[in-house]
Amino acid sequence: MPFASNKRAYGICDITGFRYHLKDMKKTWNGLLVGPDQWSPKHPQLMPKPTPVDPVALKDARPDPTSDGEDNGAFVVYTNVGLGKIGTKLDTFDISASVGSVTVSTS
């Protein structure tokens, strides 16, 4: 059933209680009927993005025994020392230091 319209119809703002022309009033995102000076769009933080579902883990997971890797199951960590692998022998390290004259005075 359609509603009647009248240019002299008034409505009461749900926030302030002020009277406005019904044709000028707006409905907010949460259902309040407010005057044009009280209306504001829904803030983006009130519409969070949906979080993705966690992946399902495999029960009793094991590494693939048929892999042709040369690591033989070893865990390799690379660094900037030696050949780049931790645990390698360091042959190219050379250091030199010298101390000039040192003066110590107490008073």
N, C-alpha and C. Protein backbone atom coordinates (compact mmCIF):
# COMPACT_ATOMS: atom_id res chain seq x y z
N MET A 1 0.85 -1.17 0.00
CA MET A 1 0.00 0.00 0.00
C MET A 1 0.89 1.23 0.00
N PRO A 2 0.69 2.16 -0.92
CA PRO A 2 1.52 3.36 -0.97
C PRO A 2 1.16 4.31 0.18
N PHE A 3 2.14 5.12 0.51
CA PHE A 3 1.96 6.10 1.58
C PHE A 3 1.56 7.44 0.99
N ALA A 4 0.88 8.23 1.77
CA ALA A 4 0.47 9.56 1.34
C ALA A 4 1.66 10.50 1.40
N SER A 5 1.71 11.47 0.50
CA SER A 5 2.77 12.47 0.52
C SER A 5 2.12 13.85 0.61
N ASN A 6 2.76 14.71 1.37
CA ASN A 6 2.23 16.05 1.54
C ASN A 6 3.42 16.98 1.73
N LYS A 7 3.41 18.10 1.05
CA LYS A 7 4.53 19.02 1.18
C LYS A 7 4.56 19.70 2.54
N ARG A 8 3.48 19.59 3.32
CA ARG A 8 3.45 20.19 4.64
C ARG A 8 3.60 19.16 5.76
N ALA A 9 3.97 17.93 5.41
CA ALA A 9 4.12 16.89 6.43
C ALA A 9 5.46 17.09 7.14
N TYR A 10 5.45 16.87 8.45
CA TYR A 10 6.66 17.04 9.25
C TYR A 10 7.05 15.72 9.90
N GLY A 11 8.32 15.65 10.23
CA GLY A 11 8.83 14.49 10.96
C GLY A 11 9.75 14.98 12.06
N ILE A 12 9.96 14.16 13.07
CA ILE A 12 10.82 14.50 14.20
C ILE A 12 12.13 13.73 14.05
N CYS A 13 13.24 14.43 14.17
CA CYS A 13 14.57 13.83 14.07
C CYS A 13 14.79 12.90 15.27
N ASP A 14 15.31 11.69 14.98
CA ASP A 14 15.56 10.72 16.05
C ASP A 14 16.77 11.09 16.89
N ILE A 15 17.63 11.97 16.43
CA ILE A 15 18.82 12.35 17.18
C ILE A 15 18.58 13.61 18.00
N THR A 16 18.11 14.66 17.35
CA THR A 16 17.98 15.95 18.03
C THR A 16 16.57 16.24 18.55
N GLY A 17 15.56 15.63 17.96
CA GLY A 17 14.18 15.92 18.34
C GLY A 17 13.63 17.15 17.64
N PHE A 18 14.38 17.72 16.70
CA PHE A 18 13.90 18.88 15.95
C PHE A 18 12.91 18.43 14.88
N ARG A 19 12.08 19.38 14.46
CA ARG A 19 11.07 19.11 13.45
C ARG A 19 11.61 19.53 12.08
N TYR A 20 11.48 18.64 11.10
CA TYR A 20 11.92 18.90 9.73
C TYR A 20 10.79 18.51 8.79
N HIS A 21 10.84 19.06 7.58
CA HIS A 21 9.92 18.59 6.55
C HIS A 21 10.25 17.13 6.27
N LEU A 22 9.23 16.32 6.17
CA LEU A 22 9.43 14.88 6.01
C LEU A 22 10.15 14.56 4.70
N LYS A 23 9.94 15.38 3.68
CA LYS A 23 10.60 15.13 2.40
C LYS A 23 12.09 15.44 2.46
N ASP A 24 12.54 16.22 3.45
CA ASP A 24 13.95 16.56 3.59
C ASP A 24 14.71 15.59 4.50
N MET A 25 13.98 14.77 5.25
CA MET A 25 14.64 13.88 6.20
C MET A 25 15.25 12.68 5.49
N LYS A 26 16.33 12.15 6.09
CA LYS A 26 17.03 11.00 5.52
C LYS A 26 17.13 9.90 6.56
N LYS A 27 17.27 8.68 6.06
CA LYS A 27 17.43 7.52 6.95
C LYS A 27 18.91 7.16 6.99
N THR A 28 19.44 7.00 8.20
CA THR A 28 20.86 6.65 8.36
C THR A 28 21.05 5.15 8.15
N TRP A 29 22.30 4.72 8.16
CA TRP A 29 22.63 3.31 7.92
C TRP A 29 22.10 2.39 9.01
N ASN A 30 21.86 2.94 10.21
CA ASN A 30 21.35 2.10 11.30
C ASN A 30 19.85 2.30 11.53
N GLY A 31 19.15 2.94 10.58
CA GLY A 31 17.70 3.00 10.62
C GLY A 31 17.10 4.23 11.26
N LEU A 32 17.90 5.20 11.67
CA LEU A 32 17.36 6.41 12.29
C LEU A 32 16.89 7.37 11.21
N LEU A 33 15.78 8.05 11.45
CA LEU A 33 15.27 9.08 10.56
C LEU A 33 15.74 10.42 11.10
N VAL A 34 16.62 11.10 10.35
CA VAL A 34 17.26 12.31 10.86
C VAL A 34 17.11 13.45 9.87
N GLY A 35 17.36 14.65 10.38
CA GLY A 35 17.35 15.83 9.53
C GLY A 35 18.58 15.87 8.65
N PRO A 36 18.57 16.73 7.62
CA PRO A 36 19.71 16.76 6.69
C PRO A 36 21.01 17.21 7.34
N ASP A 37 20.94 17.97 8.44
CA ASP A 37 22.16 18.42 9.09
C ASP A 37 22.75 17.36 10.02
N GLN A 38 21.99 16.32 10.35
CA GLN A 38 22.48 15.26 11.22
C GLN A 38 22.91 14.01 10.46
N TRP A 39 22.63 13.94 9.17
CA TRP A 39 22.93 12.74 8.39
C TRP A 39 24.41 12.69 8.05
N SER A 40 25.00 11.51 8.16
CA SER A 40 26.37 11.28 7.72
C SER A 40 26.46 9.86 7.19
N PRO A 41 27.31 9.62 6.19
CA PRO A 41 27.41 8.26 5.64
C PRO A 41 28.08 7.33 6.64
N LYS A 42 27.92 6.05 6.40
CA LYS A 42 28.52 5.04 7.28
C LYS A 42 30.03 5.10 7.16
N HIS A 43 30.71 5.12 8.29
CA HIS A 43 32.17 5.20 8.30
C HIS A 43 32.77 3.88 7.81
N PRO A 44 33.84 3.92 7.00
CA PRO A 44 34.43 2.69 6.47
C PRO A 44 34.92 1.72 7.54
N GLN A 45 35.29 2.21 8.73
CA GLN A 45 35.76 1.30 9.77
C GLN A 45 34.63 0.45 10.35
N LEU A 46 33.39 0.84 10.09
CA LEU A 46 32.27 0.03 10.55
C LEU A 46 31.96 -1.11 9.59
N MET A 47 32.68 -1.17 8.46
CA MET A 47 32.50 -2.24 7.48
C MET A 47 33.82 -2.98 7.32
N PRO A 48 34.24 -3.79 8.30
CA PRO A 48 35.53 -4.47 8.20
C PRO A 48 35.52 -5.50 7.08
N LYS A 49 36.71 -5.71 6.51
CA LYS A 49 36.85 -6.72 5.47
C LYS A 49 36.75 -8.10 6.12
N PRO A 50 36.14 -9.03 5.44
CA PRO A 50 36.05 -10.37 6.03
C PRO A 50 37.43 -11.02 6.09
N THR A 51 37.69 -11.70 7.18
CA THR A 51 38.99 -12.36 7.33
C THR A 51 38.94 -13.70 6.62
N PRO A 52 40.05 -14.07 5.97
CA PRO A 52 40.04 -15.36 5.27
C PRO A 52 40.04 -16.52 6.25
N VAL A 53 39.52 -17.62 5.81
CA VAL A 53 39.45 -18.81 6.64
C VAL A 53 40.85 -19.43 6.71
N ASP A 54 41.23 -19.91 7.89
CA ASP A 54 42.53 -20.55 8.04
C ASP A 54 42.57 -21.83 7.22
N PRO A 55 43.72 -22.12 6.60
CA PRO A 55 43.82 -23.37 5.84
C PRO A 55 43.78 -24.57 6.78
N VAL A 56 43.26 -25.65 6.29
CA VAL A 56 43.14 -26.86 7.10
C VAL A 56 44.47 -27.61 7.06
N ALA A 57 44.98 -27.99 8.22
CA ALA A 57 46.25 -28.70 8.30
C ALA A 57 46.06 -30.17 7.96
N LEU A 58 47.13 -30.78 7.47
CA LEU A 58 47.12 -32.21 7.19
C LEU A 58 47.48 -32.98 8.44
N LYS A 59 46.79 -34.07 8.67
CA LYS A 59 47.08 -34.90 9.83
C LYS A 59 48.29 -35.77 9.52
N ASP A 60 49.25 -35.83 10.45
CA ASP A 60 50.47 -36.64 10.31
C ASP A 60 51.22 -36.33 9.02
N ALA A 61 51.47 -35.08 8.75
CA ALA A 61 52.18 -34.69 7.53
C ALA A 61 53.64 -35.11 7.61
N ARG A 62 54.20 -35.56 6.49
CA ARG A 62 55.59 -35.99 6.40
C ARG A 62 56.20 -35.37 5.15
N PRO A 63 57.54 -35.16 5.15
CA PRO A 63 58.18 -34.66 3.94
C PRO A 63 58.18 -35.73 2.85
N ASP A 64 58.30 -35.28 1.62
CA ASP A 64 58.29 -36.19 0.49
C ASP A 64 59.61 -36.96 0.43
N PRO A 65 59.62 -38.28 0.60
CA PRO A 65 60.89 -39.02 0.60
C PRO A 65 61.46 -39.21 -0.80
N THR A 66 60.70 -38.92 -1.83
CA THR A 66 61.20 -39.13 -3.19
C THR A 66 61.82 -37.88 -3.79
N SER A 67 62.02 -36.83 -3.00
CA SER A 67 62.61 -35.61 -3.56
C SER A 67 64.07 -35.84 -3.87
N ASP A 68 64.56 -35.23 -4.94
CA ASP A 68 65.94 -35.41 -5.39
C ASP A 68 66.86 -34.33 -4.86
N GLY A 69 66.51 -33.70 -3.78
CA GLY A 69 67.32 -32.62 -3.25
C GLY A 69 68.66 -33.10 -2.74
N GLU A 70 69.67 -32.24 -2.84
CA GLU A 70 71.01 -32.58 -2.39
C GLU A 70 71.20 -32.29 -0.91
N ASP A 71 70.22 -31.72 -0.28
CA ASP A 71 70.38 -31.32 1.12
C ASP A 71 70.23 -32.49 2.08
N ASN A 72 69.69 -33.62 1.64
CA ASN A 72 69.49 -34.80 2.48
C ASN A 72 68.72 -34.47 3.76
N GLY A 73 67.78 -33.57 3.66
CA GLY A 73 66.96 -33.21 4.80
C GLY A 73 67.60 -32.21 5.74
N ALA A 74 68.77 -31.65 5.36
CA ALA A 74 69.45 -30.68 6.23
C ALA A 74 68.81 -29.32 6.06
N PHE A 75 68.81 -28.58 7.12
CA PHE A 75 68.29 -27.21 7.10
C PHE A 75 69.46 -26.26 6.93
N VAL A 76 69.50 -25.52 5.83
CA VAL A 76 70.64 -24.67 5.49
C VAL A 76 70.29 -23.22 5.79
N VAL A 77 71.17 -22.52 6.48
CA VAL A 77 71.01 -21.10 6.76
C VAL A 77 72.14 -20.36 6.08
N TYR A 78 71.81 -19.32 5.32
CA TYR A 78 72.82 -18.56 4.60
C TYR A 78 73.18 -17.30 5.37
N THR A 79 74.47 -16.97 5.37
CA THR A 79 74.96 -15.76 6.00
C THR A 79 75.92 -15.06 5.05
N ASN A 80 76.55 -14.01 5.51
CA ASN A 80 77.53 -13.30 4.70
C ASN A 80 78.95 -13.69 5.08
N VAL A 81 79.16 -14.83 5.73
CA VAL A 81 80.46 -15.27 6.19
C VAL A 81 80.86 -16.51 5.40
N GLY A 82 82.12 -16.63 5.03
CA GLY A 82 82.61 -17.82 4.36
C GLY A 82 81.93 -18.01 3.03
N LEU A 83 81.43 -19.21 2.79
CA LEU A 83 80.73 -19.51 1.54
C LEU A 83 79.24 -19.16 1.63
N GLY A 84 78.84 -18.57 2.71
CA GLY A 84 77.45 -18.20 2.88
C GLY A 84 76.66 -19.19 3.68
N LYS A 85 77.29 -20.27 4.15
CA LYS A 85 76.58 -21.27 4.95
C LYS A 85 77.17 -21.30 6.34
N ILE A 86 76.32 -21.40 7.33
CA ILE A 86 76.79 -21.49 8.71
C ILE A 86 77.44 -22.85 8.90
N GLY A 87 78.59 -22.85 9.56
CA GLY A 87 79.29 -24.09 9.81
C GLY A 87 80.41 -24.37 8.84
N THR A 88 80.60 -23.52 7.83
CA THR A 88 81.72 -23.72 6.91
C THR A 88 82.99 -23.15 7.51
N LYS A 89 84.11 -23.72 7.09
CA LYS A 89 85.40 -23.28 7.60
C LYS A 89 85.74 -21.93 7.00
N LEU A 90 86.21 -21.02 7.81
CA LEU A 90 86.53 -19.67 7.38
C LEU A 90 88.02 -19.60 7.09
N ASP A 91 88.39 -19.51 5.80
CA ASP A 91 89.80 -19.48 5.40
C ASP A 91 90.26 -18.09 4.99
N THR A 92 89.38 -17.22 4.61
CA THR A 92 89.77 -15.95 4.01
C THR A 92 89.76 -14.80 5.00
N PHE A 93 89.67 -15.08 6.27
CA PHE A 93 89.57 -14.01 7.25
C PHE A 93 90.96 -13.52 7.63
N ASP A 94 91.18 -12.22 7.55
CA ASP A 94 92.47 -11.63 7.90
C ASP A 94 92.20 -10.35 8.65
N ILE A 95 92.89 -10.12 9.75
CA ILE A 95 92.67 -8.93 10.56
C ILE A 95 94.01 -8.38 10.99
N SER A 96 94.08 -7.07 11.07
CA SER A 96 95.27 -6.41 11.61
C SER A 96 94.82 -5.24 12.47
N ALA A 97 95.58 -4.99 13.54
CA ALA A 97 95.24 -3.91 14.45
C ALA A 97 96.52 -3.31 14.98
N SER A 98 96.46 -2.05 15.32
CA SER A 98 97.63 -1.39 15.91
C SER A 98 97.15 -0.34 16.89
N VAL A 99 97.98 -0.10 17.89
CA VAL A 99 97.67 0.89 18.90
C VAL A 99 98.80 1.89 18.89
N GLY A 100 98.46 3.16 18.84
CA GLY A 100 99.48 4.22 18.89
C GLY A 100 99.87 4.47 20.33
N SER A 101 100.25 5.67 20.62
CA SER A 101 100.64 6.02 21.98
C SER A 101 99.39 6.33 22.81
N VAL A 102 99.40 5.84 24.03
CA VAL A 102 98.29 6.04 24.94
C VAL A 102 98.80 6.81 26.14
N THR A 103 98.16 7.91 26.48
CA THR A 103 98.54 8.71 27.62
C THR A 103 97.40 8.68 28.64
N VAL A 104 97.74 8.28 29.86
CA VAL A 104 96.75 8.23 30.93
C VAL A 104 97.18 9.22 31.99
N SER A 105 96.32 10.13 32.35
CA SER A 105 96.65 11.10 33.39
C SER A 105 95.55 11.09 34.44
N THR A 106 95.96 11.15 35.68
CA THR A 106 95.00 11.22 36.79
C THR A 106 95.27 12.48 37.58
N SER A 107 94.27 13.03 38.11
CA SER A 107 94.47 14.25 38.90
C SER A 107 93.82 14.15 40.25
